[in-house]
C-alpha atoms as a PDB file:
ATOM      1  CA  MET A   1      -0.055  -0.066  -0.059  1.00  0.00           C
ATOM      2  CA  ILE A   2       1.356   3.461  -0.683  1.00  0.00           C
ATOM      3  CA  LEU A   3       2.099   5.818   2.308  1.00  0.00           C
ATOM      4  CA  GLY A   4      -0.965   7.643   3.405  1.00  0.00           C
ATOM      5  CA  GLU A   5      -3.419   5.012   2.057  1.00  0.00           C
ATOM      6  CA  SER A   6      -5.991   3.405   4.488  1.00  0.00           C
ATOM      7  CA  ARG A   7      -6.808  -0.208   4.134  1.00  0.00           C
ATOM      8  CA  THR A   8      -9.636  -2.068   5.703  1.00  0.00           C
ATOM      9  CA  VAL A   9      -9.830  -5.737   6.736  1.00  0.00           C
ATOM     10  CA  THR A  10     -12.852  -7.691   8.135  1.00  0.00           C
ATOM     11  CA  TYR A  11     -12.710 -10.793  10.306  1.00  0.00           C
ATOM     12  CA  ILE A  12     -15.672 -12.872  10.290  1.00  0.00           C
ATOM     13  CA  PHE A  13     -15.948 -15.600  12.904  1.00  0.00           C
ATOM     14  CA  THR A  14     -17.883 -18.407  14.379  1.00  0.00           C
ATOM     15  CA  ASN A  15     -18.727 -19.371  17.796  1.00  0.00           C
ATOM     16  CA  THR A  16     -17.406 -22.684  18.204  1.00  0.00           C
ATOM     17  CA  GLY A  17     -18.418 -22.576  21.706  1.00  0.00           C
ATOM     18  CA  THR A  18     -21.328 -24.022  23.846  1.00  0.00           C
ATOM     19  CA  ARG A  19     -22.291 -20.245  25.384  1.00  0.00           C
ATOM     20  CA  ASP A  20     -22.507 -16.825  24.019  1.00  0.00           C
ATOM     21  CA  LEU A  21     -19.136 -15.046  23.087  1.00  0.00           C
ATOM     22  CA  ASN A  22     -19.280 -11.691  24.654  1.00  0.00           C
ATOM     23  CA  ILE A  23     -16.821  -9.423  23.329  1.00  0.00           C
ATOM     24  CA  GLU A  24     -15.550  -6.871  25.932  1.00  0.00           C
ATOM     25  CA  VAL A  25     -12.781  -4.990  24.380  1.00  0.00           C
ATOM     26  CA  VAL A  26     -10.668  -4.941  20.827  1.00  0.00           C
ATOM     27  CA  THR A  27      -7.740  -3.132  20.900  1.00  0.00           C
ATOM     28  CA  ALA A  28      -4.825  -1.884  18.742  1.00  0.00           C
ATOM     29  CA  CYS A  29      -2.465   0.781  17.919  1.00  0.00           C
ATOM     30  CA  LYS A  30      -3.746   4.428  17.293  1.00  0.00           C
ATOM     31  CA  CYS A  31      -3.432   4.011  13.816  1.00  0.00           C
ATOM     32  CA  THR A  32      -6.072   1.377  13.668  1.00  0.00           C
ATOM     33  CA  ASP A  33      -9.972   2.339  13.642  1.00  0.00           C
ATOM     34  CA  LEU A  34     -11.996  -0.607  15.225  1.00  0.00           C
ATOM     35  CA  VAL A  35     -15.717  -1.723  14.995  1.00  0.00           C
ATOM     36  CA  TRP A  36     -16.704  -4.875  16.246  1.00  0.00           C
ATOM     37  CA  THR A  37     -20.208  -7.038  17.272  1.00  0.00           C
ATOM     38  CA  GLN A  38     -21.718  -5.786  20.026  1.00  0.00           C
ATOM     39  CA  GLU A  39     -24.314  -7.892  21.377  1.00  0.00           C
ATOM     40  CA  PRO A  40     -23.385 -11.480  22.146  1.00  0.00           C
ATOM     41  CA  VAL A  41     -22.861 -13.932  19.678  1.00  0.00           C
ATOM     42  CA  SER A  42     -24.702 -17.016  20.399  1.00  0.00           C
ATOM     43  CA  PRO A  43     -23.160 -20.728  19.463  1.00  0.00           C
ATOM     44  CA  GLY A  44     -22.990 -21.533  15.885  1.00  0.00           C
ATOM     45  CA  ALA A  45     -23.796 -17.876  15.203  1.00  0.00           C
ATOM     46  CA  GLN A  46     -20.968 -15.508  13.308  1.00  0.00           C
ATOM     47  CA  GLY A  47     -19.809 -11.843  14.163  1.00  0.00           C
ATOM     48  CA  ALA A  48     -17.573  -9.646  12.857  1.00  0.00           C
ATOM     49  CA  ILE A  49     -14.311  -7.067  13.655  1.00  0.00           C
ATOM     50  CA  GLN A  50     -13.740  -4.601  11.120  1.00  0.00           C
ATOM     51  CA  ALA A  51     -10.304  -2.877  11.280  1.00  0.00           C
ATOM     52  CA  VAL A  52      -9.352   0.374   9.455  1.00  0.00           C
ATOM     53  CA  PHE A  53      -5.552   0.740   9.036  1.00  0.00           C
ATOM     54  CA  HIS A  54      -4.310   4.139   8.635  1.00  0.00           C
ATOM     55  CA  SER A  55      -0.746   4.454   7.186  1.00  0.00           C
ATOM     56  CA  GLU A  56       0.161   8.246   7.327  1.00  0.00           C
ATOM     57  CA  THR A  57       2.615   7.922  10.229  1.00  0.00           C
ATOM     58  CA  MET A  58       4.129   4.338   9.668  1.00  0.00           C
ATOM     59  CA  GLU A  59       7.779   3.667   8.295  1.00  0.00           C
ATOM     60  CA  LEU A  60       8.531   2.167   4.858  1.00  0.00           C
ATOM     61  CA  GLY A  61       8.742  -1.236   4.283  1.00  0.00           C
ATOM     62  CA  PRO A  62       6.592  -4.632   5.708  1.00  0.00           C
ATOM     63  CA  LEU A  63       4.823  -4.281   8.992  1.00  0.00           C
ATOM     64  CA  GLU A  64       2.760  -6.339  11.417  1.00  0.00           C
ATOM     65  CA  LYS A  65      -0.054  -4.963  13.092  1.00  0.00           C
ATOM     66  CA  VAL A  66      -1.500  -6.896  16.327  1.00  0.00           C
ATOM     67  CA  ILE A  67      -5.314  -6.659  17.187  1.00  0.00           C
ATOM     68  CA  ASP A  68      -5.784  -8.001  20.903  1.00  0.00           C
ATOM     69  CA  ILE A  69      -9.603  -9.065  21.348  1.00  0.00           C
ATOM     70  CA  ILE A  70     -10.801  -9.270  24.854  1.00  0.00           C
ATOM     71  CA  ALA A  71     -13.626 -11.673  25.521  1.00  0.00           C
ATOM     72  CA  ASN A  72     -15.142 -14.537  27.350  1.00  0.00           C
ATOM     73  CA  THR A  73     -12.657 -16.967  26.317  1.00  0.00           C
ATOM     74  CA  ASN A  74      -9.923 -19.095  27.196  1.00  0.00           C
ATOM     75  CA  PRO A  75      -7.713 -17.567  27.133  1.00  0.00           C
ATOM     76  CA  ILE A  76      -9.360 -14.467  27.661  1.00  0.00           C
ATOM     77  CA  VAL A  77      -6.942 -12.483  25.388  1.00  0.00           C
ATOM     78  CA  VAL A  78      -6.910 -13.842  21.537  1.00  0.00           C
ATOM     79  CA  GLU A  79      -4.748 -12.053  19.066  1.00  0.00           C
ATOM     80  CA  ALA A  80      -5.807 -11.198  15.114  1.00  0.00           C
ATOM     81  CA  ARG A  81      -2.396 -10.079  12.892  1.00  0.00           C
ATOM     82  CA  PHE A  82      -2.539  -8.448   9.563  1.00  0.00           C
ATOM     83  CA  THR A  83       0.424  -7.334   7.532  1.00  0.00           C
ATOM     84  CA  ALA A  84       1.024  -4.561   5.161  1.00  0.00           C
ATOM     85  CA  ASN A  85       3.833  -3.117   2.704  1.00  0.00           C
ATOM     86  CA  ILE A  86       3.912   0.439   2.762  1.00  0.00           C
ATOM     87  CA  LEU A  87       5.639   1.914  -0.464  1.00  0.00           C
ATOM     88  CA  PRO A  88       6.907   5.443  -0.832  1.00  0.00           C
ATOM     89  CA  LYS A  89       4.253   7.971  -2.585  1.00  0.00           C
ATOM     90  CA  LYS A  90       5.097   8.248  -6.148  1.00  0.00           C
END
């Protein structure tokens, strides 16, 4: 992606547990805006986490970002990751 661009990644997940999944908090760096399913996700149902990554303040080159999802899961914190390669503006 070109320095200064924003990209969106959406993680669709299925609750494979036996009780409702309640996501309490989803966090990432200041360069990433997050929106996630707020209501409980029933067993077998799907939810989503959408991350909008803004590259304005990034250094050039490859990078990996981590999204922490805090929920009533075991372990309590689950990570999602995405990668990008920041290229110079033309």
